[in-house]
């Protein structure tokens, strides 16, 4: 880096991450029911706050995964209502460990050691 100083920024608290999530929902005209919001909170709280924790990027990636899940759910509905088209439900929220590798919230798992070769 050309700059001799490193600036450390503290990780966002869960409530701040939820506010980012709500902003993303609002900007994209999605609604999130209370149970889904609770599941998003649980998901965020379960993520290890280790070096490389994504903060806003983590929330954006989670939001995009939720929207993808919601779209997959909606295509199975014959004639979805306007509300169904924009409502995010708990079923759309991934389980806490299901998305970890995708969003990079945890360090990658080390490669298993190859078996020792005797010779």
PDB file of N, CA and C in Angstrom:
ATOM      1  N   UNK A   1       0.829  -1.184   0.000  1.00  0.00           N
ATOM      2  CA  UNK A   1       0.000   0.000   0.000  1.00  0.00           C
ATOM      3  C   UNK A   1       0.872   1.245   0.000  1.00  0.00           C
ATOM      4  N   UNK A   2       0.374   2.289  -0.600  1.00  0.00           N
ATOM      5  CA  UNK A   2       1.125   3.544  -0.646  1.00  0.00           C
ATOM      6  C   UNK A   2       1.004   4.325   0.644  1.00  0.00           C
ATOM      7  N   UNK A   3       0.097   3.935   1.495  1.00  0.00           N
ATOM      8  CA  UNK A   3      -0.138   4.681   2.724  1.00  0.00           C
ATOM      9  C   UNK A   3       0.472   3.935   3.904  1.00  0.00           C
ATOM     10  N   UNK A   4       1.258   4.632   4.723  1.00  0.00           N
ATOM     11  CA  UNK A   4       1.949   3.960   5.824  1.00  0.00           C
ATOM     12  C   UNK A   4       1.056   3.631   7.015  1.00  0.00           C
ATOM     13  N   UNK A   5      -0.154   4.151   7.045  1.00  0.00           N
ATOM     14  CA  UNK A   5      -1.020   3.925   8.199  1.00  0.00           C
ATOM     15  C   UNK A   5      -2.184   3.022   7.811  1.00  0.00           C
ATOM     16  N   UNK A   6      -2.558   2.186   8.744  1.00  0.00           N
ATOM     17  CA  UNK A   6      -3.740   1.341   8.574  1.00  0.00           C
ATOM     18  C   UNK A   6      -4.826   1.893   9.486  1.00  0.00           C
ATOM     19  N   UNK A   7      -5.996   2.062   8.925  1.00  0.00           N
ATOM     20  CA  UNK A   7      -7.122   2.543   9.722  1.00  0.00           C
ATOM     21  C   UNK A   7      -8.026   1.351  10.016  1.00  0.00           C
ATOM     22  N   UNK A   8      -8.225   1.098  11.275  1.00  0.00           N
ATOM     23  CA  UNK A   8      -9.090  -0.001  11.692  1.00  0.00           C
ATOM     24  C   UNK A   8     -10.498   0.528  11.924  1.00  0.00           C
ATOM     25  N   UNK A   9     -11.481  -0.149  11.364  1.00  0.00           N
ATOM     26  CA  UNK A   9     -12.871   0.203  11.594  1.00  0.00           C
ATOM     27  C   UNK A   9     -13.507  -0.910  12.404  1.00  0.00           C
ATOM     28  N   UNK A  10     -14.223  -0.571  13.459  1.00  0.00           N
ATOM     29  CA  UNK A  10     -14.875  -1.629  14.249  1.00  0.00           C
ATOM     30  C   UNK A  10     -15.994  -2.279  13.440  1.00  0.00           C
ATOM     31  N   UNK A  11     -16.238  -3.562  13.725  1.00  0.00           N
ATOM     32  CA  UNK A  11     -17.339  -4.267  13.076  1.00  0.00           C
ATOM     33  C   UNK A  11     -18.653  -3.634  13.484  1.00  0.00           C
ATOM     34  N   UNK A  12     -19.610  -3.682  12.580  1.00  0.00           N
ATOM     35  CA  UNK A  12     -20.953  -3.220  12.914  1.00  0.00           C
ATOM     36  C   UNK A  12     -21.573  -4.170  13.934  1.00  0.00           C
ATOM     37  N   UNK A  13     -22.405  -3.618  14.785  1.00  0.00           N
ATOM     38  CA  UNK A  13     -23.200  -4.418  15.706  1.00  0.00           C
ATOM     39  C   UNK A  13     -24.351  -5.045  14.917  1.00  0.00           C
ATOM     40  N   UNK A  14     -24.972  -6.064  15.488  1.00  0.00           N
ATOM     41  CA  UNK A  14     -26.062  -6.749  14.803  1.00  0.00           C
ATOM     42  C   UNK A  14     -27.188  -5.794  14.425  1.00  0.00           C
ATOM     43  N   UNK A  15     -27.548  -4.877  15.317  1.00  0.00           N
ATOM     44  CA  UNK A  15     -28.621  -3.927  14.997  1.00  0.00           C
ATOM     45  C   UNK A  15     -28.257  -3.050  13.797  1.00  0.00           C
ATOM     46  N   UNK A  16     -26.987  -2.680  13.692  1.00  0.00           N
ATOM     47  CA  UNK A  16     -26.545  -1.883  12.543  1.00  0.00           C
ATOM     48  C   UNK A  16     -26.609  -2.702  11.254  1.00  0.00           C
ATOM     49  N   UNK A  17     -26.229  -3.980  11.343  1.00  0.00           N
ATOM     50  CA  UNK A  17     -26.319  -4.857  10.176  1.00  0.00           C
ATOM     51  C   UNK A  17     -27.770  -5.054   9.755  1.00  0.00           C
ATOM     52  N   UNK A  18     -28.661  -5.161  10.735  1.00  0.00           N
ATOM     53  CA  UNK A  18     -30.095  -5.269  10.422  1.00  0.00           C
ATOM     54  C   UNK A  18     -30.610  -4.000   9.756  1.00  0.00           C
ATOM     55  N   UNK A  19     -30.102  -2.864  10.160  1.00  0.00           N
ATOM     56  CA  UNK A  19     -30.502  -1.603   9.527  1.00  0.00           C
ATOM     57  C   UNK A  19     -30.039  -1.575   8.069  1.00  0.00           C
ATOM     58  N   UNK A  20     -28.853  -2.081   7.805  1.00  0.00           N
ATOM     59  CA  UNK A  20     -28.369  -2.184   6.422  1.00  0.00           C
ATOM     60  C   UNK A  20     -29.282  -3.111   5.632  1.00  0.00           C
ATOM     61  N   UNK A  21     -29.639  -4.246   6.232  1.00  0.00           N
ATOM     62  CA  UNK A  21     -30.540  -5.194   5.568  1.00  0.00           C
ATOM     63  C   UNK A  21     -31.892  -4.529   5.256  1.00  0.00           C
ATOM     64  N   UNK A  22     -32.435  -3.804   6.222  1.00  0.00           N
ATOM     65  CA  UNK A  22     -33.721  -3.122   6.016  1.00  0.00           C
ATOM     66  C   UNK A  22     -33.605  -2.092   4.890  1.00  0.00           C
ATOM     67  N   UNK A  23     -32.489  -1.401   4.835  1.00  0.00           N
ATOM     68  CA  UNK A  23     -32.259  -0.414   3.774  1.00  0.00           C
ATOM     69  C   UNK A  23     -32.215  -1.095   2.402  1.00  0.00           C
ATOM     70  N   UNK A  24     -31.525  -2.240   2.325  1.00  0.00           N
ATOM     71  CA  UNK A  24     -31.474  -2.985   1.067  1.00  0.00           C
ATOM     72  C   UNK A  24     -32.871  -3.431   0.644  1.00  0.00           C
ATOM     73  N   UNK A  25     -33.652  -3.906   1.610  1.00  0.00           N
ATOM     74  CA  UNK A  25     -35.042  -4.302   1.319  1.00  0.00           C
ATOM     75  C   UNK A  25     -35.839  -3.111   0.801  1.00  0.00           C
ATOM     76  N   UNK A  26     -35.743  -1.985   1.491  1.00  0.00           N
ATOM     77  CA  UNK A  26     -36.480  -0.784   1.087  1.00  0.00           C
ATOM     78  C   UNK A  26     -36.080  -0.330  -0.316  1.00  0.00           C
ATOM     79  N   UNK A  27     -34.776  -0.286  -0.567  1.00  0.00           N
ATOM     80  CA  UNK A  27     -34.291   0.172  -1.873  1.00  0.00           C
ATOM     81  C   UNK A  27     -34.783  -0.709  -3.018  1.00  0.00           C
ATOM     82  N   UNK A  28     -34.930  -2.010  -2.740  1.00  0.00           N
ATOM     83  CA  UNK A  28     -35.355  -2.945  -3.779  1.00  0.00           C
ATOM     84  C   UNK A  28     -36.857  -3.226  -3.710  1.00  0.00           C
ATOM     85  N   UNK A  29     -37.565  -2.500  -2.844  1.00  0.00           N
ATOM     86  CA  UNK A  29     -39.025  -2.641  -2.695  1.00  0.00           C
ATOM     87  C   UNK A  29     -39.458  -4.030  -2.227  1.00  0.00           C
ATOM     88  N   UNK A  30     -38.665  -4.634  -1.336  1.00  0.00           N
ATOM     89  CA  UNK A  30     -39.045  -5.907  -0.714  1.00  0.00           C
ATOM     90  C   UNK A  30     -39.582  -5.635   0.679  1.00  0.00           C
ATOM     91  N   UNK A  31     -40.492  -6.486   1.103  1.00  0.00           N
ATOM     92  CA  UNK A  31     -41.016  -6.458   2.466  1.00  0.00           C
ATOM     93  C   UNK A  31     -40.491  -7.684   3.187  1.00  0.00           C
ATOM     94  N   UNK A  32     -40.220  -7.529   4.466  1.00  0.00           N
ATOM     95  CA  UNK A  32     -39.687  -8.633   5.257  1.00  0.00           C
ATOM     96  C   UNK A  32     -40.595  -8.811   6.467  1.00  0.00           C
ATOM     97  N   UNK A  33     -41.235  -9.979   6.575  1.00  0.00           N
ATOM     98  CA  UNK A  33     -42.131 -10.153   7.724  1.00  0.00           C
ATOM     99  C   UNK A  33     -41.310 -10.323   9.004  1.00  0.00           C
ATOM    100  N   UNK A  34     -41.981 -10.188  10.143  1.00  0.00           N
ATOM    101  CA  UNK A  34     -41.292 -10.179  11.439  1.00  0.00           C
ATOM    102  C   UNK A  34     -40.525 -11.479  11.687  1.00  0.00           C
ATOM    103  N   UNK A  35     -41.109 -12.618  11.331  1.00  0.00           N
ATOM    104  CA  UNK A  35     -40.416 -13.898  11.529  1.00  0.00           C
ATOM    105  C   UNK A  35     -39.162 -13.987  10.668  1.00  0.00           C
ATOM    106  N   UNK A  36     -39.234 -13.475   9.444  1.00  0.00           N
ATOM    107  CA  UNK A  36     -38.053 -13.471   8.572  1.00  0.00           C
ATOM    108  C   UNK A  36     -36.985 -12.544   9.142  1.00  0.00           C
ATOM    109  N   UNK A  37     -37.403 -11.396   9.646  1.00  0.00           N
ATOM    110  CA  UNK A  37     -36.448 -10.454  10.246  1.00  0.00           C
ATOM    111  C   UNK A  37     -35.756 -11.096  11.454  1.00  0.00           C
ATOM    112  N   UNK A  38     -36.516 -11.838  12.240  1.00  0.00           N
ATOM    113  CA  UNK A  38     -35.934 -12.541  13.390  1.00  0.00           C
ATOM    114  C   UNK A  38     -34.916 -13.579  12.921  1.00  0.00           C
ATOM    115  N   UNK A  39     -35.238 -14.282  11.841  1.00  0.00           N
ATOM    116  CA  UNK A  39     -34.308 -15.290  11.323  1.00  0.00           C
ATOM    117  C   UNK A  39     -33.054 -14.628  10.753  1.00  0.00           C
ATOM    118  N   UNK A  40     -33.200 -13.459  10.130  1.00  0.00           N
ATOM    119  CA  UNK A  40     -32.028 -12.719   9.645  1.00  0.00           C
ATOM    120  C   UNK A  40     -31.156 -12.324  10.830  1.00  0.00           C
ATOM    121  N   UNK A  41     -31.765 -11.846  11.922  1.00  0.00           N
ATOM    122  CA  UNK A  41     -31.005 -11.489  13.124  1.00  0.00           C
ATOM    123  C   UNK A  41     -30.234 -12.700  13.649  1.00  0.00           C
ATOM    124  N   UNK A  42     -30.919 -13.835  13.746  1.00  0.00           N
ATOM    125  CA  UNK A  42     -30.265 -15.057  14.227  1.00  0.00           C
ATOM    126  C   UNK A  42     -29.099 -15.427  13.324  1.00  0.00           C
ATOM    127  N   UNK A  43     -29.308 -15.302  12.018  1.00  0.00           N
ATOM    128  CA  UNK A  43     -28.247 -15.617  11.052  1.00  0.00           C
ATOM    129  C   UNK A  43     -27.048 -14.703  11.283  1.00  0.00           C
ATOM    130  N   UNK A  44     -27.309 -13.408  11.396  1.00  0.00           N
ATOM    131  CA  UNK A  44     -26.210 -12.459  11.590  1.00  0.00           C
ATOM    132  C   UNK A  44     -25.481 -12.703  12.907  1.00  0.00           C
ATOM    133  N   UNK A  45     -26.230 -12.982  13.965  1.00  0.00           N
ATOM    134  CA  UNK A  45     -25.605 -13.216  15.268  1.00  0.00           C
ATOM    135  C   UNK A  45     -24.766 -14.489  15.285  1.00  0.00           C
ATOM    136  N   UNK A  46     -25.073 -15.420  14.400  1.00  0.00           N
ATOM    137  CA  UNK A  46     -24.337 -16.685  14.377  1.00  0.00           C
ATOM    138  C   UNK A  46     -23.013 -16.600  13.615  1.00  0.00           C
ATOM    139  N   UNK A  47     -22.809 -15.505  12.900  1.00  0.00           N
ATOM    140  CA  UNK A  47     -21.598 -15.385  12.087  1.00  0.00           C
ATOM    141  C   UNK A  47     -20.411 -14.971  12.952  1.00  0.00           C
ATOM    142  N   UNK A  48     -19.313 -15.714  12.849  1.00  0.00           N
ATOM    143  CA  UNK A  48     -18.127 -15.370  13.646  1.00  0.00           C
ATOM    144  C   UNK A  48     -17.571 -14.008  13.236  1.00  0.00           C
ATOM    145  N   UNK A  49     -17.253 -13.209  14.194  1.00  0.00           N
ATOM    146  CA  UNK A  49     -16.690 -11.876  13.927  1.00  0.00           C
ATOM    147  C   UNK A  49     -15.169 -12.004  13.948  1.00  0.00           C
ATOM    148  N   UNK A  50     -14.657 -12.705  12.944  1.00  0.00           N
ATOM    149  CA  UNK A  50     -13.217 -12.941  12.836  1.00  0.00           C
ATOM    150  C   UNK A  50     -12.629 -11.988  11.808  1.00  0.00           C
ATOM    151  N   UNK A  51     -11.317 -12.002  11.682  1.00  0.00           N
ATOM    152  CA  UNK A  51     -10.655 -11.174  10.675  1.00  0.00           C
ATOM    153  C   UNK A  51     -11.253 -11.515   9.310  1.00  0.00           C
ATOM    154  N   UNK A  52     -11.588 -10.507   8.573  1.00  0.00           N
ATOM    155  CA  UNK A  52     -12.202 -10.724   7.274  1.00  0.00           C
ATOM    156  C   UNK A  52     -13.715 -10.737   7.312  1.00  0.00           C
ATOM    157  N   UNK A  53     -14.288 -10.525   8.503  1.00  0.00           N
ATOM    158  CA  UNK A  53     -15.739 -10.443   8.622  1.00  0.00           C
ATOM    159  C   UNK A  53     -16.230  -9.367   7.668  1.00  0.00           C
ATOM    160  N   UNK A  54     -17.269  -9.665   6.913  1.00  0.00           N
ATOM    161  CA  UNK A  54     -17.653  -8.824   5.800  1.00  0.00           C
ATOM    162  C   UNK A  54     -18.441  -7.578   6.094  1.00  0.00           C
ATOM    163  N   UNK A  55     -18.993  -7.433   7.292  1.00  0.00           N
ATOM    164  CA  UNK A  55     -19.795  -6.264   7.611  1.00  0.00           C
ATOM    165  C   UNK A  55     -20.875  -6.029   6.568  1.00  0.00           C
ATOM    166  N   UNK A  56     -20.855  -4.881   5.896  1.00  0.00           N
ATOM    167  CA  UNK A  56     -21.887  -4.551   4.917  1.00  0.00           C
ATOM    168  C   UNK A  56     -21.918  -5.518   3.753  1.00  0.00           C
ATOM    169  N   UNK A  57     -20.765  -5.961   3.312  1.00  0.00           N
ATOM    170  CA  UNK A  57     -20.689  -6.937   2.219  1.00  0.00           C
ATOM    171  C   UNK A  57     -21.401  -8.228   2.610  1.00  0.00           C
ATOM    172  N   UNK A  58     -21.226  -8.649   3.847  1.00  0.00           N
ATOM    173  CA  UNK A  58     -21.887  -9.849   4.346  1.00  0.00           C
ATOM    174  C   UNK A  58     -23.405  -9.705   4.233  1.00  0.00           C
ATOM    175  N   UNK A  59     -23.924  -8.553   4.642  1.00  0.00           N
ATOM    176  CA  UNK A  59     -25.364  -8.318   4.597  1.00  0.00           C
ATOM    177  C   UNK A  59     -25.856  -8.272   3.154  1.00  0.00           C
ATOM    178  N   UNK A  60     -25.113  -7.617   2.286  1.00  0.00           N
ATOM    179  CA  UNK A  60     -25.506  -7.552   0.874  1.00  0.00           C
ATOM    180  C   UNK A  60     -25.547  -8.947   0.259  1.00  0.00           C
ATOM    181  N   UNK A  61     -24.540  -9.767   0.533  1.00  0.00           N
ATOM    182  CA  UNK A  61     -24.523 -11.130  -0.001  1.00  0.00           C
ATOM    183  C   UNK A  61     -25.673 -11.959   0.568  1.00  0.00           C
ATOM    184  N   UNK A  62     -25.961 -11.779   1.842  1.00  0.00           N
ATOM    185  CA  UNK A  62     -27.092 -12.475   2.446  1.00  0.00           C
ATOM    186  C   UNK A  62     -28.395 -12.041   1.781  1.00  0.00           C
ATOM    187  N   UNK A  63     -28.568 -10.729   1.612  1.00  0.00           N
ATOM    188  CA  UNK A  63     -29.769 -10.204   0.965  1.00  0.00           C
ATOM    189  C   UNK A  63     -29.935 -10.805  -0.437  1.00  0.00           C
ATOM    190  N   UNK A  64     -28.864 -10.836  -1.202  1.00  0.00           N
ATOM    191  CA  UNK A  64     -28.935 -11.390  -2.562  1.00  0.00           C
ATOM    192  C   UNK A  64     -29.302 -12.869  -2.546  1.00  0.00           C
ATOM    193  N   UNK A  65     -28.778 -13.622  -1.582  1.00  0.00           N
ATOM    194  CA  UNK A  65     -29.129 -15.045  -1.463  1.00  0.00           C
ATOM    195  C   UNK A  65     -30.604 -15.204  -1.089  1.00  0.00           C
ATOM    196  N   UNK A  66     -31.089 -14.335  -0.208  1.00  0.00           N
ATOM    197  CA  UNK A  66     -32.500 -14.390   0.205  1.00  0.00           C
ATOM    198  C   UNK A  66     -33.409 -14.091  -0.982  1.00  0.00           C
ATOM    199  N   UNK A  67     -33.069 -13.085  -1.761  1.00  0.00           N
ATOM    200  CA  UNK A  67     -33.872 -12.728  -2.935  1.00  0.00           C
ATOM    201  C   UNK A  67     -33.863 -13.880  -3.948  1.00  0.00           C
ATOM    202  N   UNK A  68     -32.740 -14.528  -4.117  1.00  0.00           N
ATOM    203  CA  UNK A  68     -32.665 -15.688  -5.012  1.00  0.00           C
ATOM    204  C   UNK A  68     -33.571 -16.802  -4.505  1.00  0.00           C
ATOM    205  N   UNK A  69     -33.537 -17.066  -3.209  1.00  0.00           N
ATOM    206  CA  UNK A  69     -34.411 -18.099  -2.626  1.00  0.00           C
ATOM    207  C   UNK A  69     -35.882 -17.722  -2.778  1.00  0.00           C
ATOM    208  N   UNK A  70     -36.193 -16.449  -2.574  1.00  0.00           N
ATOM    209  CA  UNK A  70     -37.569 -15.979  -2.709  1.00  0.00           C
ATOM    210  C   UNK A  70     -38.040 -16.159  -4.151  1.00  0.00           C
ATOM    211  N   UNK A  71     -37.195 -15.844  -5.112  1.00  0.00           N
ATOM    212  CA  UNK A  71     -37.559 -16.003  -6.522  1.00  0.00           C
ATOM    213  C   UNK A  71     -37.813 -17.467  -6.855  1.00  0.00           C
ATOM    214  N   UNK A  72     -37.000 -18.350  -6.311  1.00  0.00           N
ATOM    215  CA  UNK A  72     -37.201 -19.786  -6.538  1.00  0.00           C
ATOM    216  C   UNK A  72     -38.519 -20.251  -5.936  1.00  0.00           C
ATOM    217  N   UNK A  73     -38.879 -19.671  -4.807  1.00  0.00           N
ATOM    218  CA  UNK A  73     -40.155 -20.019  -4.173  1.00  0.00           C
ATOM    219  C   UNK A  73     -41.329 -19.470  -4.977  1.00  0.00           C
ATOM    220  N   UNK A  74     -41.212 -18.251  -5.458  1.00  0.00           N
ATOM    221  CA  UNK A  74     -42.302 -17.584  -6.168  1.00  0.00           C
ATOM    222  C   UNK A  74     -42.639 -18.276  -7.491  1.00  0.00           C
ATOM    223  N   UNK A  75     -41.644 -18.807  -8.182  1.00  0.00           N
ATOM    224  CA  UNK A  75     -41.925 -19.436  -9.482  1.00  0.00           C
ATOM    225  C   UNK A  75     -42.817 -20.657  -9.349  1.00  0.00           C
ATOM    226  N   UNK A  76     -42.945 -21.183  -8.138  1.00  0.00           N
ATOM    227  CA  UNK A  76     -43.814 -22.347  -7.935  1.00  0.00           C
ATOM    228  C   UNK A  76     -45.269 -21.953  -7.701  1.00  0.00           C
ATOM    229  N   UNK A  77     -45.541 -20.652  -7.564  1.00  0.00           N
ATOM    230  CA  UNK A  77     -46.898 -20.163  -7.327  1.00  0.00           C
ATOM    231  C   UNK A  77     -47.520 -19.817  -8.679  1.00  0.00           C
ATOM    232  N   UNK A  78     -48.699 -20.381  -8.960  1.00  0.00           N
ATOM    233  CA  UNK A  78     -49.338 -20.173 -10.260  1.00  0.00           C
ATOM    234  C   UNK A  78     -49.650 -18.709 -10.558  1.00  0.00           C
ATOM    235  N   UNK A  79     -50.275 -18.038  -9.644  1.00  0.00           N
ATOM    236  CA  UNK A  79     -50.674 -16.648  -9.874  1.00  0.00           C
ATOM    237  C   UNK A  79     -50.355 -15.831  -8.629  1.00  0.00           C
ATOM    238  N   UNK A  80     -49.059 -15.481  -8.452  1.00  0.00           N
ATOM    239  CA  UNK A  80     -48.681 -14.785  -7.216  1.00  0.00           C
ATOM    240  C   UNK A  80     -49.300 -13.395  -7.141  1.00  0.00           C
ATOM    241  N   UNK A  81     -49.689 -13.011  -5.924  1.00  0.00           N
ATOM    242  CA  UNK A  81     -50.223 -11.671  -5.689  1.00  0.00           C
ATOM    243  C   UNK A  81     -49.072 -10.665  -5.678  1.00  0.00           C
ATOM    244  N   UNK A  82     -49.423  -9.396  -5.715  1.00  0.00           N
ATOM    245  CA  UNK A  82     -48.404  -8.347  -5.643  1.00  0.00           C
ATOM    246  C   UNK A  82     -47.582  -8.467  -4.361  1.00  0.00           C
ATOM    247  N   UNK A  83     -48.243  -8.771  -3.254  1.00  0.00           N
ATOM    248  CA  UNK A  83     -47.537  -8.918  -1.978  1.00  0.00           C
ATOM    249  C   UNK A  83     -46.600 -10.121  -2.021  1.00  0.00           C
ATOM    250  N   UNK A  84     -47.058 -11.246  -2.545  1.00  0.00           N
ATOM    251  CA  UNK A  84     -46.206 -12.435  -2.622  1.00  0.00           C
ATOM    252  C   UNK A  84     -44.942 -12.164  -3.438  1.00  0.00           C
ATOM    253  N   UNK A  85     -45.039 -11.292  -4.424  1.00  0.00           N
ATOM    254  CA  UNK A  85     -43.888 -10.980  -5.266  1.00  0.00           C
ATOM    255  C   UNK A  85     -42.795 -10.199  -4.544  1.00  0.00           C
ATOM    256  N   UNK A  86     -43.147  -9.538  -3.451  1.00  0.00           N
ATOM    257  CA  UNK A  86     -42.166  -8.702  -2.748  1.00  0.00           C
ATOM    258  C   UNK A  86     -41.927  -9.115  -1.297  1.00  0.00           C
ATOM    259  N   UNK A  87     -42.643 -10.120  -0.824  1.00  0.00           N
ATOM    260  CA  UNK A  87     -42.540 -10.511   0.584  1.00  0.00           C
ATOM    261  C   UNK A  87     -41.453 -11.564   0.793  1.00  0.00           C
ATOM    262  N   UNK A  88     -40.535 -11.263   1.701  1.00  0.00           N
ATOM    263  CA  UNK A  88     -39.493 -12.214   2.100  1.00  0.00           C
ATOM    264  C   UNK A  88     -39.969 -12.941   3.341  1.00  0.00           C
ATOM    265  N   UNK A  89     -39.930 -14.265   3.287  1.00  0.00           N
ATOM    266  CA  UNK A  89     -40.421 -15.114   4.370  1.00  0.00           C
ATOM    267  C   UNK A  89     -39.271 -15.862   5.031  1.00  0.00           C
ATOM    268  N   UNK A  90     -39.494 -16.416   6.227  1.00  0.00           N
ATOM    269  CA  UNK A  90     -38.439 -17.184   6.893  1.00  0.00           C
ATOM    270  C   UNK A  90     -37.870 -18.305   6.023  1.00  0.00           C
ATOM    271  N   UNK A  91     -38.704 -18.918   5.195  1.00  0.00           N
ATOM    272  CA  UNK A  91     -38.224 -20.000   4.327  1.00  0.00           C
ATOM    273  C   UNK A  91     -37.184 -19.509   3.324  1.00  0.00           C
ATOM    274  N   UNK A  92     -37.147 -18.216   3.064  1.00  0.00           N
ATOM    275  CA  UNK A  92     -36.190 -17.650   2.115  1.00  0.00           C
ATOM    276  C   UNK A  92     -34.819 -17.407   2.740  1.00  0.00           C
ATOM    277  N   UNK A  93     -34.765 -17.407   4.065  1.00  0.00           N
ATOM    278  CA  UNK A  93     -33.521 -17.112   4.775  1.00  0.00           C
ATOM    279  C   UNK A  93     -32.727 -18.402   4.922  1.00  0.00           C
ATOM    280  N   UNK A  94     -31.481 -18.430   4.449  1.00  0.00           N
ATOM    281  CA  UNK A  94     -30.685 -19.653   4.600  1.00  0.00           C
ATOM    282  C   UNK A  94     -30.387 -19.955   6.068  1.00  0.00           C
ATOM    283  N   UNK A  95     -30.077 -21.202   6.328  1.00  0.00           N
ATOM    284  CA  UNK A  95     -29.632 -21.567   7.669  1.00  0.00           C
ATOM    285  C   UNK A  95     -28.270 -20.914   7.912  1.00  0.00           C
ATOM    286  N   UNK A  96     -27.916 -20.647   9.163  1.00  0.00           N
ATOM    287  CA  UNK A  96     -26.689 -19.898   9.450  1.00  0.00           C
ATOM    288  C   UNK A  96     -25.419 -20.458   8.814  1.00  0.00           C
ATOM    289  N   UNK A  97     -25.269 -21.768   8.774  1.00  0.00           N
ATOM    290  CA  UNK A  97     -24.028 -22.305   8.212  1.00  0.00           C
ATOM    291  C   UNK A  97     -24.142 -22.623   6.728  1.00  0.00           C
ATOM    292  N   UNK A  98     -25.324 -22.504   6.146  1.00  0.00           N
ATOM    293  CA  UNK A  98     -25.511 -22.857   4.746  1.00  0.00           C
ATOM    294  C   UNK A  98     -24.880 -21.846   3.804  1.00  0.00           C
ATOM    295  N   UNK A  99     -24.692 -20.633   4.248  1.00  0.00           N
ATOM    296  CA  UNK A  99     -24.204 -19.570   3.378  1.00  0.00           C
ATOM    297  C   UNK A  99     -22.795 -19.127   3.738  1.00  0.00           C
ATOM    298  N   UNK A 100     -22.225 -19.676   4.781  1.00  0.00           N
ATOM    299  CA  UNK A 100     -20.962 -19.171   5.311  1.00  0.00           C
ATOM    300  C   UNK A 100     -19.853 -19.134   4.268  1.00  0.00           C
ATOM    301  N   UNK A 101     -19.671 -20.199   3.505  1.00  0.00           N
ATOM    302  CA  UNK A 101     -18.598 -20.206   2.513  1.00  0.00           C
ATOM    303  C   UNK A 101     -18.876 -19.214   1.391  1.00  0.00           C
ATOM    304  N   UNK A 102     -20.134 -19.061   1.010  1.00  0.00           N
ATOM    305  CA  UNK A 102     -20.495 -18.161  -0.072  1.00  0.00           C
ATOM    306  C   UNK A 102     -20.197 -16.719   0.282  1.00  0.00           C
ATOM    307  N   UNK A 103     -20.530 -16.293   1.460  1.00  0.00           N
ATOM    308  CA  UNK A 103     -20.361 -14.892   1.830  1.00  0.00           C
ATOM    309  C   UNK A 103     -18.998 -14.602   2.431  1.00  0.00           C
ATOM    310  N   UNK A 104     -18.213 -15.622   2.677  1.00  0.00           N
ATOM    311  CA  UNK A 104     -16.882 -15.397   3.197  1.00  0.00           C
ATOM    312  C   UNK A 104     -16.853 -14.885   4.613  1.00  0.00           C
ATOM    313  N   UNK A 105     -17.836 -15.255   5.418  1.00  0.00           N
ATOM    314  CA  UNK A 105     -17.873 -14.744   6.783  1.00  0.00           C
ATOM    315  C   UNK A 105     -16.994 -15.545   7.722  1.00  0.00           C
ATOM    316  N   UNK A 106     -16.555 -16.677   7.281  1.00  0.00           N
ATOM    317  CA  UNK A 106     -15.653 -17.477   8.101  1.00  0.00           C
ATOM    318  C   UNK A 106     -14.439 -17.807   7.264  1.00  0.00           C
ATOM    319  N   UNK A 107     -13.299 -18.009   7.914  1.00  0.00           N
ATOM    320  CA  UNK A 107     -12.116 -18.364   7.141  1.00  0.00           C
ATOM    321  C   UNK A 107     -12.337 -19.692   6.426  1.00  0.00           C
ATOM    322  N   UNK A 108     -11.724 -19.868   5.250  1.00  0.00           N
ATOM    323  CA  UNK A 108     -11.902 -21.134   4.551  1.00  0.00           C
ATOM    324  C   UNK A 108     -11.372 -22.299   5.374  1.00  0.00           C
ATOM    325  N   UNK A 109     -11.984 -23.449   5.189  1.00  0.00           N
ATOM    326  CA  UNK A 109     -11.536 -24.646   5.883  1.00  0.00           C
ATOM    327  C   UNK A 109     -10.201 -25.081   5.293  1.00  0.00           C
ATOM    328  N   UNK A 110      -9.264 -25.507   6.144  1.00  0.00           N
ATOM    329  CA  UNK A 110      -7.972 -25.946   5.606  1.00  0.00           C
ATOM    330  C   UNK A 110      -8.142 -27.224   4.801  1.00  0.00           C
ATOM    331  N   UNK A 111      -7.297 -27.372   3.806  1.00  0.00           N
ATOM    332  CA  UNK A 111      -7.308 -28.596   3.018  1.00  0.00           C
ATOM    333  C   UNK A 111      -6.879 -29.752   3.915  1.00  0.00           C
ATOM    334  N   UNK A 112      -7.542 -30.909   3.749  1.00  0.00           N
ATOM    335  CA  UNK A 112      -7.120 -32.054   4.557  1.00  0.00           C
ATOM    336  C   UNK A 112      -5.700 -32.460   4.192  1.00  0.00           C
ATOM    337  N   UNK A 113      -4.990 -32.929   5.171  1.00  0.00           N
ATOM    338  CA  UNK A 113      -3.618 -33.374   4.931  1.00  0.00           C
ATOM    339  C   UNK A 113      -3.632 -34.660   4.115  1.00  0.00           C
ATOM    340  N   UNK A 114      -2.785 -34.733   3.086  1.00  0.00           N
ATOM    341  CA  UNK A 114      -2.730 -35.997   2.335  1.00  0.00           C
ATOM    342  C   UNK A 114      -2.162 -37.098   3.215  1.00  0.00           C
ATOM    343  N   UNK A 115      -2.560 -38.337   2.927  1.00  0.00           N
ATOM    344  CA  UNK A 115      -2.024 -39.431   3.736  1.00  0.00           C
ATOM    345  C   UNK A 115      -0.522 -39.545   3.557  1.00  0.00           C
ATOM    346  N   UNK A 116       0.130 -39.929   4.640  1.00  0.00           N
ATOM    347  CA  UNK A 116       1.590 -40.089   4.579  1.00  0.00           C
ATOM    348  C   UNK A 116       1.920 -41.261   3.670  1.00  0.00           C
ATOM    349  N   UNK A 117       2.953 -41.066   2.881  1.00  0.00           N
ATOM    350  CA  UNK A 117       3.389 -42.115   1.970  1.00  0.00           C
ATOM    351  C   UNK A 117       4.622 -42.783   2.577  1.00  0.00           C
ATOM    352  N   UNK A 118       4.517 -44.075   2.738  1.00  0.00           N
ATOM    353  CA  UNK A 118       5.682 -44.782   3.287  1.00  0.00           C
ATOM    354  C   UNK A 118       6.432 -45.418   2.127  1.00  0.00           C
ATOM    355  N   UNK A 119       7.689 -45.473   2.251  1.00  0.00           N
ATOM    356  CA  UNK A 119       8.395 -45.910   1.078  1.00  0.00           C
ATOM    357  C   UNK A 119       9.499 -46.764   1.367  1.00  0.00           C
TER     358      UNK A 119
END
